[in-house]
mmCIF file of all heavy atoms, coordinates in Angstrom:
data_MODEL
# 
_entry.id   MODEL 
# 
loop_
_atom_site.group_PDB 
_atom_site.id 
_atom_site.type_symbol 
_atom_site.label_atom_id 
_atom_site.label_alt_id 
_atom_site.label_comp_id 
_atom_site.label_asym_id 
_atom_site.label_entity_id 
_atom_site.label_seq_id 
_atom_site.pdbx_PDB_ins_code 
_atom_site.Cartn_x 
_atom_site.Cartn_y 
_atom_site.Cartn_z 
_atom_site.occupancy 
_atom_site.B_iso_or_equiv 
_atom_site.pdbx_formal_charge 
_atom_site.auth_seq_id 
_atom_site.auth_comp_id 
_atom_site.auth_asym_id 
_atom_site.auth_atom_id 
_atom_site.pdbx_PDB_model_num 
ATOM 1   N N   . GLU A 1 1  ? 4.268   -3.537 6.571   1.00 0.00 ? 1  GLU A N   1 
ATOM 2   C CA  . GLU A 1 1  ? 3.181   -3.639 5.630   1.00 0.00 ? 1  GLU A CA  1 
ATOM 3   C C   . GLU A 1 1  ? 1.818   -3.630 6.384   1.00 0.00 ? 1  GLU A C   1 
ATOM 4   O O   . GLU A 1 1  ? 1.690   -4.379 7.407   1.00 0.00 ? 1  GLU A O   1 
ATOM 5   C CB  . GLU A 1 1  ? 3.203   -4.967 4.826   1.00 0.00 ? 1  GLU A CB  1 
ATOM 6   C CG  . GLU A 1 1  ? 2.185   -5.143 3.797   1.00 0.00 ? 1  GLU A CG  1 
ATOM 7   C CD  . GLU A 1 1  ? 2.265   -6.455 2.974   1.00 0.00 ? 1  GLU A CD  1 
ATOM 8   O OE1 . GLU A 1 1  ? 3.223   -7.258 3.219   1.00 0.00 ? 1  GLU A OE1 1 
ATOM 9   O OE2 . GLU A 1 1  ? 1.443   -6.651 2.118   1.00 0.00 ? 1  GLU A OE2 1 
ATOM 10  N N   . LYS A 1 2  ? 0.887   -2.851 5.856   1.00 0.00 ? 2  LYS A N   1 
ATOM 11  C CA  . LYS A 1 2  ? -0.379  -2.805 6.480   1.00 0.00 ? 2  LYS A CA  1 
ATOM 12  C C   . LYS A 1 2  ? -1.434  -3.120 5.470   1.00 0.00 ? 2  LYS A C   1 
ATOM 13  O O   . LYS A 1 2  ? -1.468  -2.574 4.337   1.00 0.00 ? 2  LYS A O   1 
ATOM 14  C CB  . LYS A 1 2  ? -0.717  -1.351 7.059   1.00 0.00 ? 2  LYS A CB  1 
ATOM 15  C CG  . LYS A 1 2  ? 0.257   -0.966 8.140   1.00 0.00 ? 2  LYS A CG  1 
ATOM 16  C CD  . LYS A 1 2  ? -0.070  0.478  8.665   1.00 0.00 ? 2  LYS A CD  1 
ATOM 17  C CE  . LYS A 1 2  ? 0.913   0.878  9.726   1.00 0.00 ? 2  LYS A CE  1 
ATOM 18  N NZ  . LYS A 1 2  ? 0.697   2.151  10.259  1.00 0.00 ? 2  LYS A NZ  1 
ATOM 19  N N   . VAL A 1 3  ? -2.385  -4.013 5.770   1.00 0.00 ? 3  VAL A N   1 
ATOM 20  C CA  . VAL A 1 3  ? -3.396  -4.385 4.899   1.00 0.00 ? 3  VAL A CA  1 
ATOM 21  C C   . VAL A 1 3  ? -4.728  -3.771 5.524   1.00 0.00 ? 3  VAL A C   1 
ATOM 22  O O   . VAL A 1 3  ? -5.097  -4.007 6.655   1.00 0.00 ? 3  VAL A O   1 
ATOM 23  C CB  . VAL A 1 3  ? -3.644  -5.918 4.716   1.00 0.00 ? 3  VAL A CB  1 
ATOM 24  C CG1 . VAL A 1 3  ? -4.815  -6.213 3.885   1.00 0.00 ? 3  VAL A CG1 1 
ATOM 25  C CG2 . VAL A 1 3  ? -2.362  -6.519 4.191   1.00 0.00 ? 3  VAL A CG2 1 
ATOM 26  N N   . LEU A 1 4  ? -5.410  -2.940 4.740   1.00 0.00 ? 4  LEU A N   1 
ATOM 27  C CA  . LEU A 1 4  ? -6.553  -2.231 5.252   1.00 0.00 ? 4  LEU A CA  1 
ATOM 28  C C   . LEU A 1 4  ? -7.812  -3.084 4.934   1.00 0.00 ? 4  LEU A C   1 
ATOM 29  O O   . LEU A 1 4  ? -7.824  -3.945 4.041   1.00 0.00 ? 4  LEU A O   1 
ATOM 30  C CB  . LEU A 1 4  ? -6.677  -0.828 4.695   1.00 0.00 ? 4  LEU A CB  1 
ATOM 31  C CG  . LEU A 1 4  ? -5.474  0.059  4.769   1.00 0.00 ? 4  LEU A CG  1 
ATOM 32  C CD1 . LEU A 1 4  ? -5.672  1.430  4.126   1.00 0.00 ? 4  LEU A CD1 1 
ATOM 33  C CD2 . LEU A 1 4  ? -5.014  0.264  6.232   1.00 0.00 ? 4  LEU A CD2 1 
ATOM 34  N N   . LYS A 1 5  ? -8.890  -2.787 5.698   1.00 0.00 ? 5  LYS A N   1 
ATOM 35  C CA  . LYS A 1 5  ? -10.118 -3.562 5.531   1.00 0.00 ? 5  LYS A CA  1 
ATOM 36  C C   . LYS A 1 5  ? -10.794 -3.381 4.191   1.00 0.00 ? 5  LYS A C   1 
ATOM 37  O O   . LYS A 1 5  ? -11.437 -4.194 3.619   1.00 0.00 ? 5  LYS A O   1 
ATOM 38  C CB  . LYS A 1 5  ? -11.100 -3.202 6.582   1.00 0.00 ? 5  LYS A CB  1 
ATOM 39  C CG  . LYS A 1 5  ? -10.798 -3.866 7.923   1.00 0.00 ? 5  LYS A CG  1 
ATOM 40  C CD  . LYS A 1 5  ? -11.889 -3.804 8.930   1.00 0.00 ? 5  LYS A CD  1 
ATOM 41  C CE  . LYS A 1 5  ? -11.472 -4.588 10.157  1.00 0.00 ? 5  LYS A CE  1 
ATOM 42  N NZ  . LYS A 1 5  ? -12.368 -4.490 11.251  1.00 0.00 ? 5  LYS A NZ  1 
ATOM 43  N N   . ASN A 1 6  ? -10.404 -2.153 3.494   1.00 0.00 ? 6  ASN A N   1 
ATOM 44  C CA  . ASN A 1 6  ? -11.070 -1.907 2.210   1.00 0.00 ? 6  ASN A CA  1 
ATOM 45  C C   . ASN A 1 6  ? -10.163 -2.561 1.041   1.00 0.00 ? 6  ASN A C   1 
ATOM 46  O O   . ASN A 1 6  ? -10.517 -2.423 -0.091  1.00 0.00 ? 6  ASN A O   1 
ATOM 47  C CB  . ASN A 1 6  ? -11.088 -0.398 1.897   1.00 0.00 ? 6  ASN A CB  1 
ATOM 48  C CG  . ASN A 1 6  ? -9.737  0.224  1.798   1.00 0.00 ? 6  ASN A CG  1 
ATOM 49  O OD1 . ASN A 1 6  ? -8.690  -0.351 1.873   1.00 0.00 ? 6  ASN A OD1 1 
ATOM 50  N ND2 . ASN A 1 6  ? -9.696  1.568  1.661   1.00 0.00 ? 6  ASN A ND2 1 
ATOM 51  N N   . GLY A 1 7  ? -9.155  -3.342 1.517   1.00 0.00 ? 7  GLY A N   1 
ATOM 52  C CA  . GLY A 1 7  ? -8.349  -4.061 0.480   1.00 0.00 ? 7  GLY A CA  1 
ATOM 53  C C   . GLY A 1 7  ? -7.072  -3.451 0.006   1.00 0.00 ? 7  GLY A C   1 
ATOM 54  O O   . GLY A 1 7  ? -6.309  -4.070 -0.680  1.00 0.00 ? 7  GLY A O   1 
ATOM 55  N N   . CYS A 1 8  ? -6.844  -2.227 0.433   1.00 0.00 ? 8  CYS A N   1 
ATOM 56  C CA  . CYS A 1 8  ? -5.569  -1.556 0.114   1.00 0.00 ? 8  CYS A CA  1 
ATOM 57  C C   . CYS A 1 8  ? -4.480  -2.114 0.832   1.00 0.00 ? 8  CYS A C   1 
ATOM 58  O O   . CYS A 1 8  ? -4.601  -2.506 2.021   1.00 0.00 ? 8  CYS A O   1 
ATOM 59  C CB  . CYS A 1 8  ? -5.671  -0.033 0.389   1.00 0.00 ? 8  CYS A CB  1 
ATOM 60  S SG  . CYS A 1 8  ? -6.747  0.853  -0.716  1.00 0.00 ? 8  CYS A SG  1 
ATOM 61  N N   . HIS A 1 9  ? -3.272  -2.101 0.244   1.00 0.00 ? 9  HIS A N   1 
ATOM 62  C CA  . HIS A 1 9  ? -2.073  -2.459 0.958   1.00 0.00 ? 9  HIS A CA  1 
ATOM 63  C C   . HIS A 1 9  ? -1.188  -1.257 1.040   1.00 0.00 ? 9  HIS A C   1 
ATOM 64  O O   . HIS A 1 9  ? -0.986  -0.579 -0.012  1.00 0.00 ? 9  HIS A O   1 
ATOM 65  C CB  . HIS A 1 9  ? -1.297  -3.578 0.123   1.00 0.00 ? 9  HIS A CB  1 
ATOM 66  C CG  . HIS A 1 9  ? -1.970  -4.913 0.149   1.00 0.00 ? 9  HIS A CG  1 
ATOM 67  N ND1 . HIS A 1 9  ? -1.454  -6.011 0.781   1.00 0.00 ? 9  HIS A ND1 1 
ATOM 68  C CD2 . HIS A 1 9  ? -3.091  -5.367 -0.432  1.00 0.00 ? 9  HIS A CD2 1 
ATOM 69  C CE1 . HIS A 1 9  ? -2.235  -7.024 0.588   1.00 0.00 ? 9  HIS A CE1 1 
ATOM 70  N NE2 . HIS A 1 9  ? -3.299  -6.637 -0.133  1.00 0.00 ? 9  HIS A NE2 1 
ATOM 71  N N   . LEU A 1 10 ? -0.591  -0.987 2.204   1.00 0.00 ? 10 LEU A N   1 
ATOM 72  C CA  . LEU A 1 10 ? 0.405   0.037  2.369   1.00 0.00 ? 10 LEU A CA  1 
ATOM 73  C C   . LEU A 1 10 ? 1.688   -0.581 2.922   1.00 0.00 ? 10 LEU A C   1 
ATOM 74  O O   . LEU A 1 10 ? 1.677   -1.480 3.746   1.00 0.00 ? 10 LEU A O   1 
ATOM 75  C CB  . LEU A 1 10 ? -0.109  1.032  3.447   1.00 0.00 ? 10 LEU A CB  1 
ATOM 76  C CG  . LEU A 1 10 ? -1.459  1.655  3.229   1.00 0.00 ? 10 LEU A CG  1 
ATOM 77  C CD1 . LEU A 1 10 ? -1.902  2.466  4.451   1.00 0.00 ? 10 LEU A CD1 1 
ATOM 78  C CD2 . LEU A 1 10 ? -1.455  2.584  1.987   1.00 0.00 ? 10 LEU A CD2 1 
ATOM 79  N N   . VAL A 1 11 ? 2.773   -0.206 2.226   1.00 0.00 ? 11 VAL A N   1 
ATOM 80  C CA  . VAL A 1 11 ? 4.074   -0.685 2.520   1.00 0.00 ? 11 VAL A CA  1 
ATOM 81  C C   . VAL A 1 11 ? 4.938   0.524  2.847   1.00 0.00 ? 11 VAL A C   1 
ATOM 82  O O   . VAL A 1 11 ? 5.155   1.408  2.056   1.00 0.00 ? 11 VAL A O   1 
ATOM 83  C CB  . VAL A 1 11 ? 4.707   -1.537 1.442   1.00 0.00 ? 11 VAL A CB  1 
ATOM 84  C CG1 . VAL A 1 11 ? 6.083   -2.076 1.897   1.00 0.00 ? 11 VAL A CG1 1 
ATOM 85  C CG2 . VAL A 1 11 ? 3.761   -2.652 1.106   1.00 0.00 ? 11 VAL A CG2 1 
ATOM 86  N N   . PHE A 1 12 ? 5.559   0.548  4.077   1.00 0.00 ? 12 PHE A N   1 
ATOM 87  C CA  . PHE A 1 12 ? 6.427   1.646  4.533   1.00 0.00 ? 12 PHE A CA  1 
ATOM 88  C C   . PHE A 1 12 ? 7.915   1.161  4.660   1.00 0.00 ? 12 PHE A C   1 
ATOM 89  O O   . PHE A 1 12 ? 8.078   0.124  5.244   1.00 0.00 ? 12 PHE A O   1 
ATOM 90  C CB  . PHE A 1 12 ? 5.910   2.181  5.881   1.00 0.00 ? 12 PHE A CB  1 
ATOM 91  C CG  . PHE A 1 12 ? 4.541   2.702  5.904   1.00 0.00 ? 12 PHE A CG  1 
ATOM 92  C CD1 . PHE A 1 12 ? 3.445   1.941  6.106   1.00 0.00 ? 12 PHE A CD1 1 
ATOM 93  C CD2 . PHE A 1 12 ? 4.337   4.100  5.594   1.00 0.00 ? 12 PHE A CD2 1 
ATOM 94  C CE1 . PHE A 1 12 ? 2.151   2.414  6.055   1.00 0.00 ? 12 PHE A CE1 1 
ATOM 95  C CE2 . PHE A 1 12 ? 3.012   4.553  5.508   1.00 0.00 ? 12 PHE A CE2 1 
ATOM 96  C CZ  . PHE A 1 12 ? 1.950   3.780  5.758   1.00 0.00 ? 12 PHE A CZ  1 
ATOM 97  N N   . PHE A 1 13 ? 8.781   1.825  4.038   1.00 0.00 ? 13 PHE A N   1 
ATOM 98  C CA  . PHE A 1 13 ? 10.177  1.429  3.930   1.00 0.00 ? 13 PHE A CA  1 
ATOM 99  C C   . PHE A 1 13 ? 10.947  2.361  4.984   1.00 0.00 ? 13 PHE A C   1 
ATOM 100 O O   . PHE A 1 13 ? 10.558  3.432  5.226   1.00 0.00 ? 13 PHE A O   1 
ATOM 101 C CB  . PHE A 1 13 ? 10.715  1.639  2.514   1.00 0.00 ? 13 PHE A CB  1 
ATOM 102 C CG  . PHE A 1 13 ? 10.038  0.681  1.554   1.00 0.00 ? 13 PHE A CG  1 
ATOM 103 C CD1 . PHE A 1 13 ? 8.821   1.208  0.869   1.00 0.00 ? 13 PHE A CD1 1 
ATOM 104 C CD2 . PHE A 1 13 ? 10.450  -0.580 1.273   1.00 0.00 ? 13 PHE A CD2 1 
ATOM 105 C CE1 . PHE A 1 13 ? 8.298   0.325  -0.085  1.00 0.00 ? 13 PHE A CE1 1 
ATOM 106 C CE2 . PHE A 1 13 ? 9.859   -1.406 0.365   1.00 0.00 ? 13 PHE A CE2 1 
ATOM 107 C CZ  . PHE A 1 13 ? 8.691   -0.896 -0.323  1.00 0.00 ? 13 PHE A CZ  1 
ATOM 108 N N   . PRO A 1 14 ? 12.032  1.834  5.438   1.00 0.00 ? 14 PRO A N   1 
ATOM 109 C CA  . PRO A 1 14 ? 12.836  2.555  6.459   1.00 0.00 ? 14 PRO A CA  1 
ATOM 110 C C   . PRO A 1 14 ? 13.311  3.925  5.966   1.00 0.00 ? 14 PRO A C   1 
ATOM 111 O O   . PRO A 1 14 ? 13.538  4.838  6.816   1.00 0.00 ? 14 PRO A O   1 
ATOM 112 C CB  . PRO A 1 14 ? 13.965  1.554  6.741   1.00 0.00 ? 14 PRO A CB  1 
ATOM 113 C CG  . PRO A 1 14 ? 13.573  0.228  6.201   1.00 0.00 ? 14 PRO A CG  1 
ATOM 114 C CD  . PRO A 1 14 ? 12.582  0.431  5.193   1.00 0.00 ? 14 PRO A CD  1 
ATOM 115 N N   . ASN A 1 15 ? 13.532  4.045  4.675   1.00 0.00 ? 15 ASN A N   1 
ATOM 116 C CA  . ASN A 1 15 ? 14.117  5.326  4.214   1.00 0.00 ? 15 ASN A CA  1 
ATOM 117 C C   . ASN A 1 15 ? 13.069  6.442  4.030   1.00 0.00 ? 15 ASN A C   1 
ATOM 118 O O   . ASN A 1 15 ? 13.295  7.568  3.552   1.00 0.00 ? 15 ASN A O   1 
ATOM 119 C CB  . ASN A 1 15 ? 14.817  5.112  2.893   1.00 0.00 ? 15 ASN A CB  1 
ATOM 120 C CG  . ASN A 1 15 ? 13.933  4.775  1.695   1.00 0.00 ? 15 ASN A CG  1 
ATOM 121 O OD1 . ASN A 1 15 ? 12.721  4.561  1.842   1.00 0.00 ? 15 ASN A OD1 1 
ATOM 122 N ND2 . ASN A 1 15 ? 14.515  4.625  0.540   1.00 0.00 ? 15 ASN A ND2 1 
ATOM 123 N N   . GLY A 1 16 ? 11.753  6.131  4.299   1.00 0.00 ? 16 GLY A N   1 
ATOM 124 C CA  . GLY A 1 16 ? 10.730  7.139  4.201   1.00 0.00 ? 16 GLY A CA  1 
ATOM 125 C C   . GLY A 1 16 ? 9.879   6.903  2.988   1.00 0.00 ? 16 GLY A C   1 
ATOM 126 O O   . GLY A 1 16 ? 8.772   7.600  2.856   1.00 0.00 ? 16 GLY A O   1 
ATOM 127 N N   . THR A 1 17 ? 10.268  6.059  2.103   1.00 0.00 ? 17 THR A N   1 
ATOM 128 C CA  . THR A 1 17 ? 9.384   5.746  0.886   1.00 0.00 ? 17 THR A CA  1 
ATOM 129 C C   . THR A 1 17 ? 8.285   4.944  1.383   1.00 0.00 ? 17 THR A C   1 
ATOM 130 O O   . THR A 1 17 ? 8.373   4.015  2.218   1.00 0.00 ? 17 THR A O   1 
ATOM 131 C CB  . THR A 1 17 ? 10.251  5.053  -0.170  1.00 0.00 ? 17 THR A CB  1 
ATOM 132 O OG1 . THR A 1 17 ? 11.373  5.941  -0.559  1.00 0.00 ? 17 THR A OG1 1 
ATOM 133 C CG2 . THR A 1 17 ? 9.420   4.689  -1.296  1.00 0.00 ? 17 THR A CG2 1 
ATOM 134 N N   . TRP A 1 18 ? 7.051   5.173  0.739   1.00 0.00 ? 18 TRP A N   1 
ATOM 135 C CA  . TRP A 1 18 ? 5.975   4.243  1.032   1.00 0.00 ? 18 TRP A CA  1 
ATOM 136 C C   . TRP A 1 18 ? 5.186   3.928  -0.286  1.00 0.00 ? 18 TRP A C   1 
ATOM 137 O O   . TRP A 1 18 ? 5.189   4.777  -1.202  1.00 0.00 ? 18 TRP A O   1 
ATOM 138 C CB  . TRP A 1 18 ? 5.069   4.801  2.146   1.00 0.00 ? 18 TRP A CB  1 
ATOM 139 C CG  . TRP A 1 18 ? 4.429   6.117  1.928   1.00 0.00 ? 18 TRP A CG  1 
ATOM 140 C CD1 . TRP A 1 18 ? 4.973   7.333  2.021   1.00 0.00 ? 18 TRP A CD1 1 
ATOM 141 C CD2 . TRP A 1 18 ? 2.991   6.293  1.627   1.00 0.00 ? 18 TRP A CD2 1 
ATOM 142 N NE1 . TRP A 1 18 ? 4.032   8.267  1.797   1.00 0.00 ? 18 TRP A NE1 1 
ATOM 143 C CE2 . TRP A 1 18 ? 2.869   7.689  1.468   1.00 0.00 ? 18 TRP A CE2 1 
ATOM 144 C CE3 . TRP A 1 18 ? 2.048   5.449  1.315   1.00 0.00 ? 18 TRP A CE3 1 
ATOM 145 C CZ2 . TRP A 1 18 ? 1.622   8.258  1.145   1.00 0.00 ? 18 TRP A CZ2 1 
ATOM 146 C CZ3 . TRP A 1 18 ? 0.723   6.017  1.045   1.00 0.00 ? 18 TRP A CZ3 1 
ATOM 147 C CH2 . TRP A 1 18 ? 0.631   7.438  0.945   1.00 0.00 ? 18 TRP A CH2 1 
ATOM 148 N N   . LYS A 1 19 ? 4.514   2.804  -0.279  1.00 0.00 ? 19 LYS A N   1 
ATOM 149 C CA  . LYS A 1 19 ? 3.812   2.368  -1.449  1.00 0.00 ? 19 LYS A CA  1 
ATOM 150 C C   . LYS A 1 19 ? 2.381   2.043  -1.047  1.00 0.00 ? 19 LYS A C   1 
ATOM 151 O O   . LYS A 1 19 ? 2.203   1.431  -0.001  1.00 0.00 ? 19 LYS A O   1 
ATOM 152 C CB  . LYS A 1 19 ? 4.515   1.109  -2.035  1.00 0.00 ? 19 LYS A CB  1 
ATOM 153 C CG  . LYS A 1 19 ? 3.921   0.393  -3.132  1.00 0.00 ? 19 LYS A CG  1 
ATOM 154 C CD  . LYS A 1 19 ? 4.765   -0.750 -3.517  1.00 0.00 ? 19 LYS A CD  1 
ATOM 155 C CE  . LYS A 1 19 ? 4.193   -1.617 -4.602  1.00 0.00 ? 19 LYS A CE  1 
ATOM 156 N NZ  . LYS A 1 19 ? 5.147   -2.710 -4.955  1.00 0.00 ? 19 LYS A NZ  1 
ATOM 157 N N   . LYS A 1 20 ? 1.435   2.446  -1.951  1.00 0.00 ? 20 LYS A N   1 
ATOM 158 C CA  . LYS A 1 20 ? 0.056   2.059  -1.670  1.00 0.00 ? 20 LYS A CA  1 
ATOM 159 C C   . LYS A 1 20 ? -0.413  1.247  -2.897  1.00 0.00 ? 20 LYS A C   1 
ATOM 160 O O   . LYS A 1 20 ? -0.300  1.753  -3.994  1.00 0.00 ? 20 LYS A O   1 
ATOM 161 C CB  . LYS A 1 20 ? -0.766  3.362  -1.521  1.00 0.00 ? 20 LYS A CB  1 
ATOM 162 C CG  . LYS A 1 20 ? -2.274  3.098  -1.354  1.00 0.00 ? 20 LYS A CG  1 
ATOM 163 C CD  . LYS A 1 20 ? -3.100  4.318  -1.238  1.00 0.00 ? 20 LYS A CD  1 
ATOM 164 C CE  . LYS A 1 20 ? -4.539  4.053  -1.105  1.00 0.00 ? 20 LYS A CE  1 
ATOM 165 N NZ  . LYS A 1 20 ? -5.387  5.270  -1.084  1.00 0.00 ? 20 LYS A NZ  1 
ATOM 166 N N   . VAL A 1 21 ? -0.967  0.032  -2.642  1.00 0.00 ? 21 VAL A N   1 
ATOM 167 C CA  . VAL A 1 21 ? -1.532  -0.664 -3.757  1.00 0.00 ? 21 VAL A CA  1 
ATOM 168 C C   . VAL A 1 21 ? -3.075  -0.613 -3.505  1.00 0.00 ? 21 VAL A C   1 
ATOM 169 O O   . VAL A 1 21 ? -3.576  -1.019 -2.414  1.00 0.00 ? 21 VAL A O   1 
ATOM 170 C CB  . VAL A 1 21 ? -1.081  -2.126 -3.728  1.00 0.00 ? 21 VAL A CB  1 
ATOM 171 C CG1 . VAL A 1 21 ? -1.706  -2.934 -4.848  1.00 0.00 ? 21 VAL A CG1 1 
ATOM 172 C CG2 . VAL A 1 21 ? 0.435   -2.205 -3.862  1.00 0.00 ? 21 VAL A CG2 1 
ATOM 173 N N   . GLY A 1 22 ? -3.795  -0.139 -4.463  1.00 0.00 ? 22 GLY A N   1 
ATOM 174 C CA  . GLY A 1 22 ? -5.234  0.117  -4.338  1.00 0.00 ? 22 GLY A CA  1 
ATOM 175 C C   . GLY A 1 22 ? -5.964  -1.260 -4.223  1.00 0.00 ? 22 GLY A C   1 
ATOM 176 O O   . GLY A 1 22 ? -5.378  -2.373 -4.451  1.00 0.00 ? 22 GLY A O   1 
ATOM 177 N N   . SER A 1 23 ? -7.180  -1.160 -3.777  1.00 0.00 ? 23 SER A N   1 
ATOM 178 C CA  . SER A 1 23 ? -8.009  -2.499 -3.530  1.00 0.00 ? 23 SER A CA  1 
ATOM 179 C C   . SER A 1 23 ? -8.140  -3.256 -4.857  1.00 0.00 ? 23 SER A C   1 
ATOM 180 O O   . SER A 1 23 ? -8.360  -4.422 -4.792  1.00 0.00 ? 23 SER A O   1 
ATOM 181 C CB  . SER A 1 23 ? -9.317  -2.133 -2.934  1.00 0.00 ? 23 SER A CB  1 
ATOM 182 O OG  . SER A 1 23 ? -9.981  -1.123 -3.679  1.00 0.00 ? 23 SER A OG  1 
ATOM 183 N N   . ASP A 1 24 ? -8.063  -2.535 -5.952  1.00 0.00 ? 24 ASP A N   1 
ATOM 184 C CA  . ASP A 1 24 ? -8.177  -3.202 -7.283  1.00 0.00 ? 24 ASP A CA  1 
ATOM 185 C C   . ASP A 1 24 ? -6.920  -4.008 -7.616  1.00 0.00 ? 24 ASP A C   1 
ATOM 186 O O   . ASP A 1 24 ? -6.888  -4.829 -8.573  1.00 0.00 ? 24 ASP A O   1 
ATOM 187 C CB  . ASP A 1 24 ? -8.552  -2.305 -8.419  1.00 0.00 ? 24 ASP A CB  1 
ATOM 188 C CG  . ASP A 1 24 ? -7.461  -1.169 -8.624  1.00 0.00 ? 24 ASP A CG  1 
ATOM 189 O OD1 . ASP A 1 24 ? -6.399  -1.183 -7.962  1.00 0.00 ? 24 ASP A OD1 1 
ATOM 190 O OD2 . ASP A 1 24 ? -7.724  -0.299 -9.505  1.00 0.00 ? 24 ASP A OD2 1 
ATOM 191 N N   . GLY A 1 25 ? -5.812  -3.772 -6.916  1.00 0.00 ? 25 GLY A N   1 
ATOM 192 C CA  . GLY A 1 25 ? -4.551  -4.421 -7.143  1.00 0.00 ? 25 GLY A CA  1 
ATOM 193 C C   . GLY A 1 25 ? -3.775  -3.926 -8.342  1.00 0.00 ? 25 GLY A C   1 
ATOM 194 O O   . GLY A 1 25 ? -2.727  -4.272 -8.649  1.00 0.00 ? 25 GLY A O   1 
ATOM 195 N N   . LYS A 1 26 ? -4.398  -2.970 -9.082  1.00 0.00 ? 26 LYS A N   1 
ATOM 196 C CA  . LYS A 1 26 ? -3.811  -2.391 -10.282 1.00 0.00 ? 26 LYS A CA  1 
ATOM 197 C C   . LYS A 1 26 ? -3.312  -0.934 -10.121 1.00 0.00 ? 26 LYS A C   1 
ATOM 198 O O   . LYS A 1 26 ? -2.538  -0.478 -10.943 1.00 0.00 ? 26 LYS A O   1 
ATOM 199 C CB  . LYS A 1 26 ? -4.764  -2.547 -11.428 1.00 0.00 ? 26 LYS A CB  1 
ATOM 200 C CG  . LYS A 1 26 ? -5.184  -3.947 -11.729 1.00 0.00 ? 26 LYS A CG  1 
ATOM 201 C CD  . LYS A 1 26 ? -6.141  -3.965 -12.808 1.00 0.00 ? 26 LYS A CD  1 
ATOM 202 C CE  . LYS A 1 26 ? -6.583  -5.370 -13.211 1.00 0.00 ? 26 LYS A CE  1 
ATOM 203 N NZ  . LYS A 1 26 ? -7.632  -5.461 -14.227 1.00 0.00 ? 26 LYS A NZ  1 
ATOM 204 N N   . THR A 1 27 ? -3.951  -0.207 -9.156  1.00 0.00 ? 27 THR A N   1 
ATOM 205 C CA  . THR A 1 27 ? -3.518  1.197  -9.017  1.00 0.00 ? 27 THR A CA  1 
ATOM 206 C C   . THR A 1 27 ? -2.476  1.128  -7.945  1.00 0.00 ? 27 THR A C   1 
ATOM 207 O O   . THR A 1 27 ? -2.705  0.753  -6.766  1.00 0.00 ? 27 THR A O   1 
ATOM 208 C CB  . THR A 1 27 ? -4.722  1.981  -8.632  1.00 0.00 ? 27 THR A CB  1 
ATOM 209 O OG1 . THR A 1 27 ? -5.738  1.820  -9.530  1.00 0.00 ? 27 THR A OG1 1 
ATOM 210 C CG2 . THR A 1 27 ? -4.386  3.518  -8.493  1.00 0.00 ? 27 THR A CG2 1 
ATOM 211 N N   . ILE A 1 28 ? -1.240  1.716  -8.279  1.00 0.00 ? 28 ILE A N   1 
ATOM 212 C CA  . ILE A 1 28 ? -0.101  1.749  -7.326  1.00 0.00 ? 28 ILE A CA  1 
ATOM 213 C C   . ILE A 1 28 ? 0.426   3.099  -7.258  1.00 0.00 ? 28 ILE A C   1 
ATOM 214 O O   . ILE A 1 28 ? 0.657   3.765  -8.303  1.00 0.00 ? 28 ILE A O   1 
ATOM 215 C CB  . ILE A 1 28 ? 0.965   0.699  -7.798  1.00 0.00 ? 28 ILE A CB  1 
ATOM 216 C CG1 . ILE A 1 28 ? 0.401   -0.714 -7.981  1.00 0.00 ? 28 ILE A CG1 1 
ATOM 217 C CG2 . ILE A 1 28 ? 2.148   0.799  -6.860  1.00 0.00 ? 28 ILE A CG2 1 
ATOM 218 C CD1 . ILE A 1 28 ? 1.274   -1.679 -8.601  1.00 0.00 ? 28 ILE A CD1 1 
ATOM 219 N N   . THR A 1 29 ? 0.578   3.559  -6.089  1.00 0.00 ? 29 THR A N   1 
ATOM 220 C CA  . THR A 1 29 ? 1.268   4.858  -5.903  1.00 0.00 ? 29 THR A CA  1 
ATOM 221 C C   . THR A 1 29 ? 2.471   4.614  -4.914  1.00 0.00 ? 29 THR A C   1 
ATOM 222 O O   . THR A 1 29 ? 2.315   4.152  -3.884  1.00 0.00 ? 29 THR A O   1 
ATOM 223 C CB  . THR A 1 29 ? 0.259   5.873  -5.127  1.00 0.00 ? 29 THR A CB  1 
ATOM 224 O OG1 . THR A 1 29 ? -0.915  5.986  -5.924  1.00 0.00 ? 29 THR A OG1 1 
ATOM 225 C CG2 . THR A 1 29 ? 0.908   7.248  -5.088  1.00 0.00 ? 29 THR A CG2 1 
# 
């Protein structure tokens, strides 16, 4: 898990899937 200075959270999974939670906490990709 990486937390960026702009407030975004990035989570990288071992299988290659990754998740980005926007700084608003509501936009998820």
